[in-house]
Amino acid sequence: MRIPITMCHGIRSVTSPTMPNPLTAEHFDVLMNIASEMGFDSITYDQLADWRDGKTKLPDRPIMIDFDHPVSSMRGEIFDTLERYKFKGNLFIYTSPYDPKYPRPLAVSFYDHMSWEEIRELRKSGWHIGAHTVSHPNLSDLSIEDPSGNILREELDRSNAMIEENLGFKPMDFAFTGTSWSRMAEEEVKMRYRFGRLWFVGSEYQVDGHPLRVADLMGSVDEDEDDGGPPVDVRYITEDSDPYRLPSMELQALIHHPDAFRQYLEGALVY
């Protein structure tokens, strides 16, 4: 089985070299409508874990719909759209906006964050909530800045504590920040979480202070694709996927166009 997995940061008019396409509410609806018409059913990380453990079967056409960052559009346009199609999201949150005493500034520029009550409402509706550090550091750079790992461990443990204090549970799953990764981070993540998820916007990652092909990080010897992204096979979750190197495909990048999005979903059906 191939499980397609999408990712975005909510409704965004802002673009960047890594995310060159804006994501409007209208465009997000177009993409979710395609997934619905093709018969896909959304799943959470709890369902993924139970399937991997042989405890349950998945829908015939599962899809994971992931989001990073606790921005207000998650409870607004994103939630409303998913509800129309009976989909549920998986949201990974950094906790810096709720932790003003933490000395490291938030490394990304996002505004209008949700309240804890709004995040609780998402979870009550069936969304899955995971962890994404406190301040969203570049994990590759952090491994060079602080080889002791003390800052990294504080980022993970303080984020977990904040989520548990305000939502009543300790997160079981983690999303690595940006296109940054380190062996140290993966080892610390393995000690705390059930899954670790990556983010694909192109064919390159930052690993332990150096650039590395996504394909190499994922253990693939295949060539990169013509669209500028990694090999097709590493873009899906399968039975053999490393649980701490799960992929996700950014909606503002390689699969932004409806035709590209449809092709990505079709690729899950021919496996």
C-alpha atoms as a PDB file:
ATOM      1  CA  MET A   1       0.000   0.000   0.000  1.00  0.00           C
ATOM      2  CA  ARG A   2       1.084   3.553  -0.751  1.00  0.00           C
ATOM      3  CA  ILE A   3      -0.354   6.271   1.479  1.00  0.00           C
ATOM      4  CA  PRO A   4      -0.187   9.814   0.079  1.00  0.00           C
ATOM      5  CA  ILE A   5       0.566  12.455   2.688  1.00  0.00           C
ATOM      6  CA  THR A   6       0.151  16.182   2.167  1.00  0.00           C
ATOM      7  CA  MET A   7       1.372  19.088   4.300  1.00  0.00           C
ATOM      8  CA  CYS A   8       0.802  22.823   4.454  1.00  0.00           C
ATOM      9  CA  HIS A   9       0.995  25.723   6.890  1.00  0.00           C
ATOM     10  CA  GLY A  10      -2.591  26.847   6.560  1.00  0.00           C
ATOM     11  CA  ILE A  11      -4.059  29.467   4.241  1.00  0.00           C
ATOM     12  CA  ARG A  12      -1.157  31.612   3.075  1.00  0.00           C
ATOM     13  CA  SER A  13      -0.754  34.353   0.489  1.00  0.00           C
ATOM     14  CA  VAL A  14       2.958  34.551   1.348  1.00  0.00           C
ATOM     15  CA  THR A  15       5.326  32.698  -0.958  1.00  0.00           C
ATOM     16  CA  SER A  16       9.031  31.851  -0.768  1.00  0.00           C
ATOM     17  CA  PRO A  17      11.652  30.035  -2.833  1.00  0.00           C
ATOM     18  CA  THR A  18      10.665  26.776  -1.161  1.00  0.00           C
ATOM     19  CA  MET A  19       6.914  27.479  -1.322  1.00  0.00           C
ATOM     20  CA  PRO A  20       6.464  29.423  -4.576  1.00  0.00           C
ATOM     21  CA  ASN A  21       2.672  29.161  -4.788  1.00  0.00           C
ATOM     22  CA  PRO A  22       0.099  30.856  -2.546  1.00  0.00           C
ATOM     23  CA  LEU A  23      -2.514  28.656  -0.903  1.00  0.00           C
ATOM     24  CA  THR A  24      -5.915  30.314  -0.845  1.00  0.00           C
ATOM     25  CA  ALA A  25      -9.003  28.846   0.782  1.00  0.00           C
ATOM     26  CA  GLU A  26     -10.470  28.381  -2.694  1.00  0.00           C
ATOM     27  CA  HIS A  27      -7.445  26.480  -3.957  1.00  0.00           C
ATOM     28  CA  PHE A  28      -7.303  24.295  -0.864  1.00  0.00           C
ATOM     29  CA  ASP A  29     -10.957  23.430  -1.452  1.00  0.00           C
ATOM     30  CA  VAL A  30     -10.173  22.436  -5.058  1.00  0.00           C
ATOM     31  CA  LEU A  31      -7.471  20.026  -3.887  1.00  0.00           C
ATOM     32  CA  MET A  32      -9.570  18.493  -1.119  1.00  0.00           C
ATOM     33  CA  ASN A  33     -12.462  18.082  -3.533  1.00  0.00           C
ATOM     34  CA  ILE A  34     -10.185  16.094  -5.844  1.00  0.00           C
ATOM     35  CA  ALA A  35      -9.198  13.791  -2.981  1.00  0.00           C
ATOM     36  CA  SER A  36     -12.832  13.335  -1.998  1.00  0.00           C
ATOM     37  CA  GLU A  37     -14.017  12.636  -5.540  1.00  0.00           C
ATOM     38  CA  MET A  38     -11.259  10.044  -5.936  1.00  0.00           C
ATOM     39  CA  GLY A  39     -12.585   8.205  -2.889  1.00  0.00           C
ATOM     40  CA  PHE A  40      -9.823   8.932  -0.395  1.00  0.00           C
ATOM     41  CA  ASP A  41     -10.454   8.796   3.363  1.00  0.00           C
ATOM     42  CA  SER A  42      -8.269  10.721   5.796  1.00  0.00           C
ATOM     43  CA  ILE A  43      -6.431   8.864   8.553  1.00  0.00           C
ATOM     44  CA  THR A  44      -4.582   9.937  11.701  1.00  0.00           C
ATOM     45  CA  TYR A  45      -1.306   8.827  13.197  1.00  0.00           C
ATOM     46  CA  ASP A  46      -3.193   6.644  15.668  1.00  0.00           C
ATOM     47  CA  GLN A  47      -4.707   4.744  12.761  1.00  0.00           C
ATOM     48  CA  LEU A  48      -1.321   4.560  11.055  1.00  0.00           C
ATOM     49  CA  ALA A  49       0.239   3.122  14.212  1.00  0.00           C
ATOM     50  CA  ASP A  50      -2.512   0.525  14.640  1.00  0.00           C
ATOM     51  CA  TRP A  51      -2.160  -0.514  10.983  1.00  0.00           C
ATOM     52  CA  ARG A  52       1.602  -0.900  11.298  1.00  0.00           C
ATOM     53  CA  ASP A  53       1.076  -2.996  14.428  1.00  0.00           C
ATOM     54  CA  GLY A  54      -1.447  -5.222  12.644  1.00  0.00           C
ATOM     55  CA  LYS A  55      -4.306  -4.104  14.898  1.00  0.00           C
ATOM     56  CA  THR A  56      -6.555  -2.634  12.216  1.00  0.00           C
ATOM     57  CA  LYS A  57      -7.123  -2.247   8.505  1.00  0.00           C
ATOM     58  CA  LEU A  58      -7.023   1.096   6.770  1.00  0.00           C
ATOM     59  CA  PRO A  59      -9.599   2.422   4.292  1.00  0.00           C
ATOM     60  CA  ASP A  60      -9.069   1.256   0.723  1.00  0.00           C
ATOM     61  CA  ARG A  61      -7.743   4.699  -0.195  1.00  0.00           C
ATOM     62  CA  PRO A  62      -6.174   6.315   2.864  1.00  0.00           C
ATOM     63  CA  ILE A  63      -4.650   9.781   2.832  1.00  0.00           C
ATOM     64  CA  MET A  64      -2.870  11.698   5.569  1.00  0.00           C
ATOM     65  CA  ILE A  65      -3.535  15.445   5.616  1.00  0.00           C
ATOM     66  CA  ASP A  66      -0.890  17.108   7.758  1.00  0.00           C
ATOM     67  CA  PHE A  67      -0.440  20.695   8.921  1.00  0.00           C
ATOM     68  CA  ASP A  68       2.374  22.456  10.738  1.00  0.00           C
ATOM     69  CA  HIS A  69       2.062  25.471  13.069  1.00  0.00           C
ATOM     70  CA  PRO A  70      -0.868  26.536  15.255  1.00  0.00           C
ATOM     71  CA  VAL A  71      -2.016  29.404  13.021  1.00  0.00           C
ATOM     72  CA  SER A  72      -5.562  30.708  13.121  1.00  0.00           C
ATOM     73  CA  SER A  73      -6.583  29.466   9.669  1.00  0.00           C
ATOM     74  CA  MET A  74      -6.408  25.903  11.000  1.00  0.00           C
ATOM     75  CA  ARG A  75      -9.511  26.531  13.096  1.00  0.00           C
ATOM     76  CA  GLY A  76     -10.990  28.720  10.341  1.00  0.00           C
ATOM     77  CA  GLU A  77     -10.826  28.001   6.620  1.00  0.00           C
ATOM     78  CA  ILE A  78      -8.822  24.779   6.889  1.00  0.00           C
ATOM     79  CA  PHE A  79     -11.167  23.186   9.423  1.00  0.00           C
ATOM     80  CA  ASP A  80     -14.280  24.295   7.547  1.00  0.00           C
ATOM     81  CA  THR A  81     -13.010  22.832   4.271  1.00  0.00           C
ATOM     82  CA  LEU A  82     -12.032  19.502   5.774  1.00  0.00           C
ATOM     83  CA  GLU A  83     -15.405  19.222   7.503  1.00  0.00           C
ATOM     84  CA  ARG A  84     -17.166  19.595   4.146  1.00  0.00           C
ATOM     85  CA  TYR A  85     -15.371  16.519   2.897  1.00  0.00           C
ATOM     86  CA  LYS A  86     -15.484  14.601   6.191  1.00  0.00           C
ATOM     87  CA  PHE A  87     -11.677  14.748   6.480  1.00  0.00           C
ATOM     88  CA  LYS A  88      -9.622  15.101   9.659  1.00  0.00           C
ATOM     89  CA  GLY A  89      -6.229  16.763   9.946  1.00  0.00           C
ATOM     90  CA  ASN A  90      -2.982  16.010  11.748  1.00  0.00           C
ATOM     91  CA  LEU A  91      -1.578  19.196  13.272  1.00  0.00           C
ATOM     92  CA  PHE A  92       1.959  19.653  14.625  1.00  0.00           C
ATOM     93  CA  ILE A  93       2.371  22.695  16.833  1.00  0.00           C
ATOM     94  CA  TYR A  94       5.312  24.699  18.095  1.00  0.00           C
ATOM     95  CA  THR A  95       4.672  26.249  21.499  1.00  0.00           C
ATOM     96  CA  SER A  96       6.693  29.488  21.400  1.00  0.00           C
ATOM     97  CA  PRO A  97       3.611  31.781  21.133  1.00  0.00           C
ATOM     98  CA  TYR A  98       2.322  30.336  24.427  1.00  0.00           C
ATOM     99  CA  ASP A  99       5.683  30.395  26.222  1.00  0.00           C
ATOM    100  CA  PRO A 100       6.881  34.042  26.333  1.00  0.00           C
ATOM    101  CA  LYS A 101       9.599  33.306  28.908  1.00  0.00           C
ATOM    102  CA  TYR A 102      11.462  30.945  26.586  1.00  0.00           C
ATOM    103  CA  PRO A 103      14.670  32.764  25.552  1.00  0.00           C
ATOM    104  CA  ARG A 104      15.027  31.513  21.978  1.00  0.00           C
ATOM    105  CA  PRO A 105      12.869  33.494  19.519  1.00  0.00           C
ATOM    106  CA  LEU A 106      10.495  31.829  17.112  1.00  0.00           C
ATOM    107  CA  ALA A 107      12.518  31.122  13.976  1.00  0.00           C
ATOM    108  CA  VAL A 108       9.641  31.474  11.513  1.00  0.00           C
ATOM    109  CA  SER A 109       7.342  34.400  10.737  1.00  0.00           C
ATOM    110  CA  PHE A 110       3.743  33.361  11.356  1.00  0.00           C
ATOM    111  CA  TYR A 111       1.043  35.417  13.019  1.00  0.00           C
ATOM    112  CA  ASP A 112      -2.498  35.085  14.354  1.00  0.00           C
ATOM    113  CA  HIS A 113      -2.018  31.909  16.312  1.00  0.00           C
ATOM    114  CA  MET A 114      -4.874  29.891  17.748  1.00  0.00           C
ATOM    115  CA  SER A 115      -5.780  29.860  21.396  1.00  0.00           C
ATOM    116  CA  TRP A 116      -5.450  26.672  23.409  1.00  0.00           C
ATOM    117  CA  GLU A 117      -9.230  26.460  23.431  1.00  0.00           C
ATOM    118  CA  GLU A 118      -9.308  26.457  19.622  1.00  0.00           C
ATOM    119  CA  ILE A 119      -6.676  23.713  19.508  1.00  0.00           C
ATOM    120  CA  ARG A 120      -8.773  21.724  21.982  1.00  0.00           C
ATOM    121  CA  GLU A 121     -11.755  22.152  19.679  1.00  0.00           C
ATOM    122  CA  LEU A 122      -9.783  20.697  16.779  1.00  0.00           C
ATOM    123  CA  ARG A 123      -8.762  17.707  18.855  1.00  0.00           C
ATOM    124  CA  LYS A 124     -12.318  17.174  20.098  1.00  0.00           C
ATOM    125  CA  SER A 125     -13.493  17.121  16.478  1.00  0.00           C
ATOM    126  CA  GLY A 126     -11.095  14.284  15.635  1.00  0.00           C
ATOM    127  CA  TRP A 127      -7.882  16.044  14.658  1.00  0.00           C
ATOM    128  CA  HIS A 128      -4.591  14.555  15.802  1.00  0.00           C
ATOM    129  CA  ILE A 129      -2.122  16.886  17.573  1.00  0.00           C
ATOM    130  CA  GLY A 130       1.636  16.357  17.545  1.00  0.00           C
ATOM    131  CA  ALA A 131       4.762  18.250  18.612  1.00  0.00           C
ATOM    132  CA  HIS A 132       6.990  20.599  16.595  1.00  0.00           C
ATOM    133  CA  THR A 133       9.497  21.982  19.191  1.00  0.00           C
ATOM    134  CA  VAL A 134       9.172  25.309  21.026  1.00  0.00           C
ATOM    135  CA  SER A 135      10.880  27.800  18.707  1.00  0.00           C
ATOM    136  CA  HIS A 136      11.146  25.898  15.409  1.00  0.00           C
ATOM    137  CA  PRO A 137      14.968  25.846  15.215  1.00  0.00           C
ATOM    138  CA  ASN A 138      16.906  24.656  12.193  1.00  0.00           C
ATOM    139  CA  LEU A 139      17.832  21.219  13.516  1.00  0.00           C
ATOM    140  CA  SER A 140      20.792  20.817  11.179  1.00  0.00           C
ATOM    141  CA  ASP A 141      22.333  24.115  12.305  1.00  0.00           C
ATOM    142  CA  LEU A 142      21.479  23.409  15.940  1.00  0.00           C
ATOM    143  CA  SER A 143      23.522  20.198  15.860  1.00  0.00           C
ATOM    144  CA  ILE A 144      26.570  22.337  15.008  1.00  0.00           C
ATOM    145  CA  GLU A 145      25.729  25.214  17.353  1.00  0.00           C
ATOM    146  CA  ASP A 146      25.167  22.933  20.336  1.00  0.00           C
ATOM    147  CA  PRO A 147      26.717  19.472  19.839  1.00  0.00           C
ATOM    148  CA  SER A 148      25.915  18.648  23.473  1.00  0.00           C
ATOM    149  CA  GLY A 149      22.215  18.451  22.526  1.00  0.00           C
ATOM    150  CA  ASN A 150      21.092  20.379  25.595  1.00  0.00           C
ATOM    151  CA  ILE A 151      19.183  23.025  23.627  1.00  0.00           C
ATOM    152  CA  LEU A 152      17.531  20.375  21.477  1.00  0.00           C
ATOM    153  CA  ARG A 153      16.406  18.367  24.477  1.00  0.00           C
ATOM    154  CA  GLU A 154      14.963  21.480  26.104  1.00  0.00           C
ATOM    155  CA  GLU A 155      13.103  22.283  22.877  1.00  0.00           C
ATOM    156  CA  LEU A 156      11.512  18.840  22.850  1.00  0.00           C
ATOM    157  CA  ASP A 157      10.804  18.432  26.552  1.00  0.00           C
ATOM    158  CA  ARG A 158       9.545  21.975  27.112  1.00  0.00           C
ATOM    159  CA  SER A 159       7.222  21.701  24.113  1.00  0.00           C
ATOM    160  CA  ASN A 160       5.880  18.376  25.382  1.00  0.00           C
ATOM    161  CA  ALA A 161       5.316  19.811  28.854  1.00  0.00           C
ATOM    162  CA  MET A 162       3.473  22.843  27.479  1.00  0.00           C
ATOM    163  CA  ILE A 163       1.190  20.654  25.359  1.00  0.00           C
ATOM    164  CA  GLU A 164       0.492  18.302  28.242  1.00  0.00           C
ATOM    165  CA  GLU A 165      -0.238  21.195  30.604  1.00  0.00           C
ATOM    166  CA  ASN A 166      -2.720  22.856  28.251  1.00  0.00           C
ATOM    167  CA  LEU A 167      -4.215  19.947  26.306  1.00  0.00           C
ATOM    168  CA  GLY A 168      -4.018  17.170  28.860  1.00  0.00           C
ATOM    169  CA  PHE A 169      -1.880  14.656  26.985  1.00  0.00           C
ATOM    170  CA  LYS A 170       1.741  14.095  26.047  1.00  0.00           C
ATOM    171  CA  PRO A 171       2.210  14.184  22.250  1.00  0.00           C
ATOM    172  CA  MET A 172       3.212  10.885  20.679  1.00  0.00           C
ATOM    173  CA  ASP A 173       4.308  12.128  17.258  1.00  0.00           C
ATOM    174  CA  PHE A 174       6.743  14.744  15.982  1.00  0.00           C
ATOM    175  CA  ALA A 175       7.355  16.799  12.836  1.00  0.00           C
ATOM    176  CA  PHE A 176      10.940  17.813  12.090  1.00  0.00           C
ATOM    177  CA  THR A 177      11.277  21.553  11.472  1.00  0.00           C
ATOM    178  CA  GLY A 178      11.677  22.900   7.945  1.00  0.00           C
ATOM    179  CA  THR A 179      13.953  20.935   5.646  1.00  0.00           C
ATOM    180  CA  SER A 180      16.406  20.440   8.516  1.00  0.00           C
ATOM    181  CA  TRP A 181      17.436  17.208  10.198  1.00  0.00           C
ATOM    182  CA  SER A 182      20.270  15.806  12.279  1.00  0.00           C
ATOM    183  CA  ARG A 183      21.203  12.381  13.554  1.00  0.00           C
ATOM    184  CA  MET A 184      21.155  13.803  17.059  1.00  0.00           C
ATOM    185  CA  ALA A 185      17.610  15.078  16.554  1.00  0.00           C
ATOM    186  CA  GLU A 186      16.428  11.736  15.238  1.00  0.00           C
ATOM    187  CA  GLU A 187      17.900   9.901  18.226  1.00  0.00           C
ATOM    188  CA  GLU A 188      16.231  12.286  20.673  1.00  0.00           C
ATOM    189  CA  VAL A 189      12.946  12.034  18.773  1.00  0.00           C
ATOM    190  CA  LYS A 190      13.101   8.239  18.955  1.00  0.00           C
ATOM    191  CA  MET A 191      13.313   8.469  22.747  1.00  0.00           C
ATOM    192  CA  ARG A 192      10.144  10.546  22.984  1.00  0.00           C
ATOM    193  CA  TYR A 193       7.839   9.880  20.050  1.00  0.00           C
ATOM    194  CA  ARG A 194       6.205   7.160  17.998  1.00  0.00           C
ATOM    195  CA  PHE A 195       6.687   8.803  14.579  1.00  0.00           C
ATOM    196  CA  GLY A 196       8.899  11.508  13.095  1.00  0.00           C
ATOM    197  CA  ARG A 197       7.719  13.259   9.932  1.00  0.00           C
ATOM    198  CA  LEU A 198       9.764  15.133   7.316  1.00  0.00           C
ATOM    199  CA  TRP A 199       8.680  17.818   4.822  1.00  0.00           C
ATOM    200  CA  PHE A 200       9.393  17.748   1.077  1.00  0.00           C
ATOM    201  CA  VAL A 201       9.471  20.896  -1.051  1.00  0.00           C
ATOM    202  CA  GLY A 202      12.290  19.856  -3.383  1.00  0.00           C
ATOM    203  CA  SER A 203      15.119  17.379  -3.703  1.00  0.00           C
ATOM    204  CA  GLU A 204      17.512  18.670  -1.024  1.00  0.00           C
ATOM    205  CA  TYR A 205      17.675  18.656   2.767  1.00  0.00           C
ATOM    206  CA  GLN A 206      19.986  20.160   5.383  1.00  0.00           C
ATOM    207  CA  VAL A 207      21.558  17.332   7.369  1.00  0.00           C
ATOM    208  CA  ASP A 208      24.134  17.653  10.160  1.00  0.00           C
ATOM    209  CA  GLY A 209      25.348  20.975   8.819  1.00  0.00           C
ATOM    210  CA  HIS A 210      25.580  19.924   5.164  1.00  0.00           C
ATOM    211  CA  PRO A 211      23.256  19.661   2.137  1.00  0.00           C
ATOM    212  CA  LEU A 212      22.060  16.169   1.270  1.00  0.00           C
ATOM    213  CA  ARG A 213      19.694  14.746  -1.309  1.00  0.00           C
ATOM    214  CA  VAL A 214      16.297  13.819   0.087  1.00  0.00           C
ATOM    215  CA  ALA A 215      16.686  10.524  -1.760  1.00  0.00           C
ATOM    216  CA  ASP A 216      19.877   9.754   0.177  1.00  0.00           C
ATOM    217  CA  LEU A 217      18.243  10.635   3.486  1.00  0.00           C
ATOM    218  CA  MET A 218      15.383   8.299   2.613  1.00  0.00           C
ATOM    219  CA  GLY A 219      17.686   5.478   1.525  1.00  0.00           C
ATOM    220  CA  SER A 220      16.796   5.627  -2.175  1.00  0.00           C
ATOM    221  CA  VAL A 221      19.289   5.202  -5.023  1.00  0.00           C
ATOM    222  CA  ASP A 222      16.818   6.478  -7.624  1.00  0.00           C
ATOM    223  CA  GLU A 223      17.273   9.716  -9.545  1.00  0.00           C
ATOM    224  CA  ASP A 224      15.303  12.844  -8.676  1.00  0.00           C
ATOM    225  CA  GLU A 225      12.175  13.537 -10.726  1.00  0.00           C
ATOM    226  CA  ASP A 226      11.746  16.068 -13.535  1.00  0.00           C
ATOM    227  CA  ASP A 227       9.569  18.283 -11.322  1.00  0.00           C
ATOM    228  CA  GLY A 228      12.568  19.010  -9.103  1.00  0.00           C
ATOM    229  CA  GLY A 229      11.493  16.741  -6.289  1.00  0.00           C
ATOM    230  CA  PRO A 230      12.759  13.462  -4.852  1.00  0.00           C
ATOM    231  CA  PRO A 231      12.061  10.024  -6.385  1.00  0.00           C
ATOM    232  CA  VAL A 232       8.397   9.103  -6.554  1.00  0.00           C
ATOM    233  CA  ASP A 233       8.739   6.095  -4.269  1.00  0.00           C
ATOM    234  CA  VAL A 234       9.888   8.171  -1.281  1.00  0.00           C
ATOM    235  CA  ARG A 235       6.882  10.492  -1.509  1.00  0.00           C
ATOM    236  CA  TYR A 236       4.471   7.972   0.043  1.00  0.00           C
ATOM    237  CA  ILE A 237       4.177   6.101   3.311  1.00  0.00           C
ATOM    238  CA  THR A 238       4.385   2.332   2.866  1.00  0.00           C
ATOM    239  CA  GLU A 239       4.608  -0.730   5.099  1.00  0.00           C
ATOM    240  CA  ASP A 240       8.407  -0.424   4.872  1.00  0.00           C
ATOM    241  CA  SER A 241       8.684   3.283   5.682  1.00  0.00           C
ATOM    242  CA  ASP A 242      11.051   4.250   8.484  1.00  0.00           C
ATOM    243  CA  PRO A 243       8.669   5.525  11.203  1.00  0.00           C
ATOM    244  CA  TYR A 244      11.096   8.366  11.981  1.00  0.00           C
ATOM    245  CA  ARG A 245      11.539   9.471   8.375  1.00  0.00           C
ATOM    246  CA  LEU A 246       7.979   9.646   7.159  1.00  0.00           C
ATOM    247  CA  PRO A 247       7.533  11.921   4.117  1.00  0.00           C
ATOM    248  CA  SER A 248       5.045  14.688   3.458  1.00  0.00           C
ATOM    249  CA  MET A 249       4.404  16.712   0.307  1.00  0.00           C
ATOM    250  CA  GLU A 250       3.942  20.490   0.618  1.00  0.00           C
ATOM    251  CA  LEU A 251       0.783  21.835  -1.071  1.00  0.00           C
ATOM    252  CA  GLN A 252       2.483  25.138  -1.926  1.00  0.00           C
ATOM    253  CA  ALA A 253       5.246  23.374  -3.860  1.00  0.00           C
ATOM    254  CA  LEU A 254       5.478  20.207  -5.985  1.00  0.00           C
ATOM    255  CA  ILE A 255       1.802  19.212  -5.819  1.00  0.00           C
ATOM    256  CA  HIS A 256       0.215  22.670  -5.834  1.00  0.00           C
ATOM    257  CA  HIS A 257      -1.334  22.460  -9.311  1.00  0.00           C
ATOM    258  CA  PRO A 258      -4.526  20.363  -9.392  1.00  0.00           C
ATOM    259  CA  ASP A 259      -3.086  18.152 -12.137  1.00  0.00           C
ATOM    260  CA  ALA A 260       0.059  17.508 -10.095  1.00  0.00           C
ATOM    261  CA  PHE A 261      -2.036  16.832  -7.003  1.00  0.00           C
ATOM    262  CA  ARG A 262      -4.246  14.381  -8.874  1.00  0.00           C
ATOM    263  CA  GLN A 263      -1.189  12.647 -10.315  1.00  0.00           C
ATOM    264  CA  TYR A 264       0.253  12.290  -6.821  1.00  0.00           C
ATOM    265  CA  LEU A 265      -2.936  10.640  -5.576  1.00  0.00           C
ATOM    266  CA  GLU A 266      -3.137   8.422  -8.654  1.00  0.00           C
ATOM    267  CA  GLY A 267       0.398   7.261  -7.895  1.00  0.00           C
ATOM    268  CA  ALA A 268      -0.890   5.722  -4.671  1.00  0.00           C
ATOM    269  CA  LEU A 269      -3.337   3.543  -6.593  1.00  0.00           C
ATOM    270  CA  VAL A 270      -0.904   1.800  -8.923  1.00  0.00           C
ATOM    271  CA  TYR A 271       1.393   0.401  -6.282  1.00  0.00           C
END
